[in-house]
Every structure is written in structure tokens, then in C-alpha cells.
Amino acid sequence: MSLWYTDLPTGKPVTVMGLNVFRIANGKLAEHWGLNDRLSVLQQLGVAPQLGPAS
């Protein structure tokens, strides 16, 4: 299983949203946290179902 749960290229364009947080200590990068919205990418590729409103 690959990181994105699909190995075949789809040719579909996708938008990837993400967030990066950096902590600087004494003028140097001390820590980094990163998060990407993988579910949205999988939904755009048609690999994961679109979620509807809660019932």
C-alpha cells in the first residue's frame, strides 16, 4: 500500500491544503509540524467517498 492509497496515476488535477508550523529557538529551527489534508486529495481523485451532512 502506498502513502496515498493508490498507485496508478489518474491524470486528474488536485488541490492540496496543508499547514506547517515552525518553532524557532535561539535563531534556529527547533521543531516543525506539518499536516496535509489527505482525505480531500483522495476524494478529489475519486478513491474515497465524499462525506455528506450528518443525519
PDB file of N, CA and C in Angstrom:
ATOM      1  N   MET A   1       0.853  -1.179   0.000  1.00  0.00           N
ATOM      2  CA  MET A   1       0.000   0.000   0.000  1.00  0.00           C
ATOM      3  C   MET A   1       0.895   1.237   0.000  1.00  0.00           C
ATOM      4  N   SER A   2       0.583   2.170  -0.853  1.00  0.00           N
ATOM      5  CA  SER A   2       1.383   3.388  -0.937  1.00  0.00           C
ATOM      6  C   SER A   2       0.879   4.428   0.060  1.00  0.00           C
ATOM      7  N   LEU A   3       1.621   5.503   0.149  1.00  0.00           N
ATOM      8  CA  LEU A   3       1.270   6.585   1.069  1.00  0.00           C
ATOM      9  C   LEU A   3      -0.110   7.164   0.757  1.00  0.00           C
ATOM     10  N   TRP A   4      -0.453   7.264  -0.521  1.00  0.00           N
ATOM     11  CA  TRP A   4      -1.711   7.893  -0.924  1.00  0.00           C
ATOM     12  C   TRP A   4      -2.790   6.860  -1.232  1.00  0.00           C
ATOM     13  N   TYR A   5      -2.546   5.571  -0.973  1.00  0.00           N
ATOM     14  CA  TYR A   5      -3.537   4.511  -1.120  1.00  0.00           C
ATOM     15  C   TYR A   5      -3.928   4.233  -2.564  1.00  0.00           C
ATOM     16  N   THR A   6      -3.157   4.705  -3.493  1.00  0.00           N
ATOM     17  CA  THR A   6      -3.373   4.399  -4.903  1.00  0.00           C
ATOM     18  C   THR A   6      -2.038   4.467  -5.605  1.00  0.00           C
ATOM     19  N   ASP A   7      -1.787   3.559  -6.486  1.00  0.00           N
ATOM     20  CA  ASP A   7      -0.508   3.534  -7.182  1.00  0.00           C
ATOM     21  C   ASP A   7      -0.615   3.970  -8.634  1.00  0.00           C
ATOM     22  N   LEU A   8      -1.816   4.055  -9.162  1.00  0.00           N
ATOM     23  CA  LEU A   8      -1.988   4.379 -10.564  1.00  0.00           C
ATOM     24  C   LEU A   8      -2.255   5.864 -10.749  1.00  0.00           C
ATOM     25  N   PRO A   9      -1.563   6.505 -11.688  1.00  0.00           N
ATOM     26  CA  PRO A   9      -1.831   7.922 -11.947  1.00  0.00           C
ATOM     27  C   PRO A   9      -3.217   8.093 -12.562  1.00  0.00           C
ATOM     28  N   THR A  10      -3.895   9.143 -12.151  1.00  0.00           N
ATOM     29  CA  THR A  10      -5.248   9.393 -12.657  1.00  0.00           C
ATOM     30  C   THR A  10      -5.268  10.483 -13.717  1.00  0.00           C
ATOM     31  N   GLY A  11      -4.265  11.342 -13.737  1.00  0.00           N
ATOM     32  CA  GLY A  11      -4.270  12.470 -14.654  1.00  0.00           C
ATOM     33  C   GLY A  11      -5.167  13.602 -14.187  1.00  0.00           C
ATOM     34  N   LYS A  12      -5.800  13.439 -13.030  1.00  0.00           N
ATOM     35  CA  LYS A  12      -6.705  14.465 -12.505  1.00  0.00           C
ATOM     36  C   LYS A  12      -5.916  15.504 -11.709  1.00  0.00           C
ATOM     37  N   PRO A  13      -6.223  16.790 -11.912  1.00  0.00           N
ATOM     38  CA  PRO A  13      -5.596  17.806 -11.059  1.00  0.00           C
ATOM     39  C   PRO A  13      -6.223  17.774  -9.667  1.00  0.00           C
ATOM     40  N   VAL A  14      -5.437  18.068  -8.662  1.00  0.00           N
ATOM     41  CA  VAL A  14      -5.940  18.126  -7.291  1.00  0.00           C
ATOM     42  C   VAL A  14      -5.397  19.372  -6.608  1.00  0.00           C
ATOM     43  N   THR A  15      -6.091  19.801  -5.593  1.00  0.00           N
ATOM     44  CA  THR A  15      -5.639  20.882  -4.725  1.00  0.00           C
ATOM     45  C   THR A  15      -5.305  20.274  -3.379  1.00  0.00           C
ATOM     46  N   VAL A  16      -4.108  20.568  -2.888  1.00  0.00           N
ATOM     47  CA  VAL A  16      -3.673  20.035  -1.603  1.00  0.00           C
ATOM     48  C   VAL A  16      -3.592  21.184  -0.609  1.00  0.00           C
ATOM     49  N   MET A  17      -4.361  21.076   0.460  1.00  0.00           N
ATOM     50  CA  MET A  17      -4.311  22.068   1.526  1.00  0.00           C
ATOM     51  C   MET A  17      -3.437  21.521   2.644  1.00  0.00           C
ATOM     52  N   GLY A  18      -2.668  22.395   3.254  1.00  0.00           N
ATOM     53  CA  GLY A  18      -1.805  21.939   4.332  1.00  0.00           C
ATOM     54  C   GLY A  18      -1.475  23.065   5.289  1.00  0.00           C
ATOM     55  N   LEU A  19      -0.825  22.683   6.348  1.00  0.00           N
ATOM     56  CA  LEU A  19      -0.438  23.622   7.393  1.00  0.00           C
ATOM     57  C   LEU A  19       0.948  23.242   7.879  1.00  0.00           C
ATOM     58  N   ASN A  20       1.818  24.207   8.008  1.00  0.00           N
ATOM     59  CA  ASN A  20       3.146  23.989   8.565  1.00  0.00           C
ATOM     60  C   ASN A  20       3.360  24.956   9.714  1.00  0.00           C
ATOM     61  N   VAL A  21       3.858  24.450  10.817  1.00  0.00           N
ATOM     62  CA  VAL A  21       4.164  25.271  11.991  1.00  0.00           C
ATOM     63  C   VAL A  21       5.629  25.051  12.324  1.00  0.00           C
ATOM     64  N   PHE A  22       6.357  26.137  12.485  1.00  0.00           N
ATOM     65  CA  PHE A  22       7.772  26.069  12.810  1.00  0.00           C
ATOM     66  C   PHE A  22       8.012  26.727  14.161  1.00  0.00           C
ATOM     67  N   ARG A  23       8.837  26.116  14.985  1.00  0.00           N
ATOM     68  CA  ARG A  23       9.251  26.736  16.240  1.00  0.00           C
ATOM     69  C   ARG A  23      10.722  27.091  16.106  1.00  0.00           C
ATOM     70  N   ILE A  24      10.994  28.369  16.318  1.00  0.00           N
ATOM     71  CA  ILE A  24      12.351  28.889  16.232  1.00  0.00           C
ATOM     72  C   ILE A  24      12.853  29.139  17.648  1.00  0.00           C
ATOM     73  N   ALA A  25      14.035  28.641  17.953  1.00  0.00           N
ATOM     74  CA  ALA A  25      14.659  28.856  19.265  1.00  0.00           C
ATOM     75  C   ALA A  25      16.096  29.300  19.039  1.00  0.00           C
ATOM     76  N   ASN A  26      16.452  30.403  19.651  1.00  0.00           N
ATOM     77  CA  ASN A  26      17.810  30.943  19.518  1.00  0.00           C
ATOM     78  C   ASN A  26      18.201  31.164  18.064  1.00  0.00           C
ATOM     79  N   GLY A  27      17.234  31.638  17.267  1.00  0.00           N
ATOM     80  CA  GLY A  27      17.505  31.949  15.869  1.00  0.00           C
ATOM     81  C   GLY A  27      17.622  30.741  14.959  1.00  0.00           C
ATOM     82  N   LYS A  28      17.300  29.549  15.462  1.00  0.00           N
ATOM     83  CA  LYS A  28      17.409  28.335  14.653  1.00  0.00           C
ATOM     84  C   LYS A  28      16.089  27.573  14.674  1.00  0.00           C
ATOM     85  N   LEU A  29      15.866  26.826  13.610  1.00  0.00           N
ATOM     86  CA  LEU A  29      14.687  25.974  13.554  1.00  0.00           C
ATOM     87  C   LEU A  29      14.830  24.864  14.584  1.00  0.00           C
ATOM     88  N   ALA A  30      13.900  24.823  15.530  1.00  0.00           N
ATOM     89  CA  ALA A  30      13.965  23.821  16.594  1.00  0.00           C
ATOM     90  C   ALA A  30      12.992  22.669  16.343  1.00  0.00           C
ATOM     91  N   GLU A  31      11.802  22.986  15.811  1.00  0.00           N
ATOM     92  CA  GLU A  31      10.804  21.951  15.563  1.00  0.00           C
ATOM     93  C   GLU A  31       9.945  22.339  14.373  1.00  0.00           C
ATOM     94  N   HIS A  32       9.368  21.336  13.740  1.00  0.00           N
ATOM     95  CA  HIS A  32       8.455  21.548  12.623  1.00  0.00           C
ATOM     96  C   HIS A  32       7.308  20.555  12.743  1.00  0.00           C
ATOM     97  N   TRP A  33       6.101  21.053  12.553  1.00  0.00           N
ATOM     98  CA  TRP A  33       4.913  20.203  12.496  1.00  0.00           C
ATOM     99  C   TRP A  33       4.239  20.483  11.162  1.00  0.00           C
ATOM    100  N   GLY A  34       3.839  19.438  10.475  1.00  0.00           N
ATOM    101  CA  GLY A  34       3.179  19.607   9.188  1.00  0.00           C
ATOM    102  C   GLY A  34       1.970  18.696   9.069  1.00  0.00           C
ATOM    103  N   LEU A  35       0.958  19.178   8.377  1.00  0.00           N
ATOM    104  CA  LEU A  35      -0.270  18.413   8.196  1.00  0.00           C
ATOM    105  C   LEU A  35      -0.815  18.701   6.802  1.00  0.00           C
ATOM    106  N   ASN A  36      -1.142  17.652   6.054  1.00  0.00           N
ATOM    107  CA  ASN A  36      -1.786  17.783   4.752  1.00  0.00           C
ATOM    108  C   ASN A  36      -3.138  17.096   4.806  1.00  0.00           C
ATOM    109  N   ASP A  37      -4.097  17.645   4.076  1.00  0.00           N
ATOM    110  CA  ASP A  37      -5.451  17.096   4.039  1.00  0.00           C
ATOM    111  C   ASP A  37      -5.507  15.963   3.019  1.00  0.00           C
ATOM    112  N   ARG A  38      -5.091  14.776   3.426  1.00  0.00           N
ATOM    113  CA  ARG A  38      -5.039  13.627   2.516  1.00  0.00           C
ATOM    114  C   ARG A  38      -6.426  13.149   2.109  1.00  0.00           C
ATOM    115  N   LEU A  39      -7.390  13.218   3.030  1.00  0.00           N
ATOM    116  CA  LEU A  39      -8.742  12.772   2.695  1.00  0.00           C
ATOM    117  C   LEU A  39      -9.292  13.571   1.523  1.00  0.00           C
ATOM    118  N   SER A  40      -9.102  14.879   1.540  1.00  0.00           N
ATOM    119  CA  SER A  40      -9.591  15.720   0.451  1.00  0.00           C
ATOM    120  C   SER A  40      -8.943  15.330  -0.876  1.00  0.00           C
ATOM    121  N   VAL A  41      -7.660  15.034  -0.860  1.00  0.00           N
ATOM    122  CA  VAL A  41      -6.968  14.614  -2.086  1.00  0.00           C
ATOM    123  C   VAL A  41      -7.557  13.302  -2.597  1.00  0.00           C
ATOM    124  N   LEU A  42      -7.753  12.343  -1.705  1.00  0.00           N
ATOM    125  CA  LEU A  42      -8.325  11.057  -2.106  1.00  0.00           C
ATOM    126  C   LEU A  42      -9.736  11.226  -2.660  1.00  0.00           C
ATOM    127  N   GLN A  43     -10.514  12.140  -2.071  1.00  0.00           N
ATOM    128  CA  GLN A  43     -11.867  12.403  -2.566  1.00  0.00           C
ATOM    129  C   GLN A  43     -11.808  13.030  -3.957  1.00  0.00           C
ATOM    130  N   GLN A  44     -10.876  13.954  -4.170  1.00  0.00           N
ATOM    131  CA  GLN A  44     -10.736  14.583  -5.478  1.00  0.00           C
ATOM    132  C   GLN A  44     -10.331  13.576  -6.553  1.00  0.00           C
ATOM    133  N   LEU A  45      -9.567  12.564  -6.161  1.00  0.00           N
ATOM    134  CA  LEU A  45      -9.138  11.526  -7.101  1.00  0.00           C
ATOM    135  C   LEU A  45     -10.214  10.471  -7.327  1.00  0.00           C
ATOM    136  N   GLY A  46     -11.287  10.513  -6.513  1.00  0.00           N
ATOM    137  CA  GLY A  46     -12.354   9.539  -6.633  1.00  0.00           C
ATOM    138  C   GLY A  46     -12.048   8.219  -5.951  1.00  0.00           C
ATOM    139  N   VAL A  47     -11.032   8.208  -5.093  1.00  0.00           N
ATOM    140  CA  VAL A  47     -10.627   6.990  -4.389  1.00  0.00           C
ATOM    141  C   VAL A  47     -11.390   6.836  -3.081  1.00  0.00           C
ATOM    142  N   ALA A  48     -11.761   7.942  -2.450  1.00  0.00           N
ATOM    143  CA  ALA A  48     -12.509   7.930  -1.190  1.00  0.00           C
ATOM    144  C   ALA A  48     -13.866   8.588  -1.436  1.00  0.00           C
ATOM    145  N   PRO A  49     -14.913   8.133  -0.761  1.00  0.00           N
ATOM    146  CA  PRO A  49     -16.240   8.711  -0.962  1.00  0.00           C
ATOM    147  C   PRO A  49     -16.337  10.121  -0.382  1.00  0.00           C
ATOM    148  N   GLN A  50     -17.189  10.927  -1.010  1.00  0.00           N
ATOM    149  CA  GLN A  50     -17.488  12.255  -0.477  1.00  0.00           C
ATOM    150  C   GLN A  50     -18.349  12.074   0.764  1.00  0.00           C
ATOM    151  N   LEU A  51     -18.081  12.859   1.784  1.00  0.00           N
ATOM    152  CA  LEU A  51     -18.864  12.775   3.013  1.00  0.00           C
ATOM    153  C   LEU A  51     -20.046  13.728   2.930  1.00  0.00           C
ATOM    154  N   GLY A  52     -21.205  13.247   3.315  1.00  0.00           N
ATOM    155  CA  GLY A  52     -22.404  14.071   3.312  1.00  0.00           C
ATOM    156  C   GLY A  52     -22.649  14.662   4.682  1.00  0.00           C
ATOM    157  N   PRO A  53     -23.696  15.464   4.816  1.00  0.00           N
ATOM    158  CA  PRO A  53     -24.023  16.038   6.121  1.00  0.00           C
ATOM    159  C   PRO A  53     -24.441  14.944   7.104  1.00  0.00           C
ATOM    160  N   ALA A  54     -24.174  15.186   8.358  1.00  0.00           N
ATOM    161  CA  ALA A  54     -24.577  14.229   9.398  1.00  0.00           C
ATOM    162  C   ALA A  54     -26.092  14.164   9.467  1.00  0.00           C
ATOM    163  N   SER A  55     -26.627  12.993   9.691  1.00  0.00           N
ATOM    164  CA  SER A  55     -28.095  12.858   9.748  1.00  0.00           C
ATOM    165  C   SER A  55     -28.574  12.819  11.178  1.00  0.00           C
TER     166      SER A  55
END
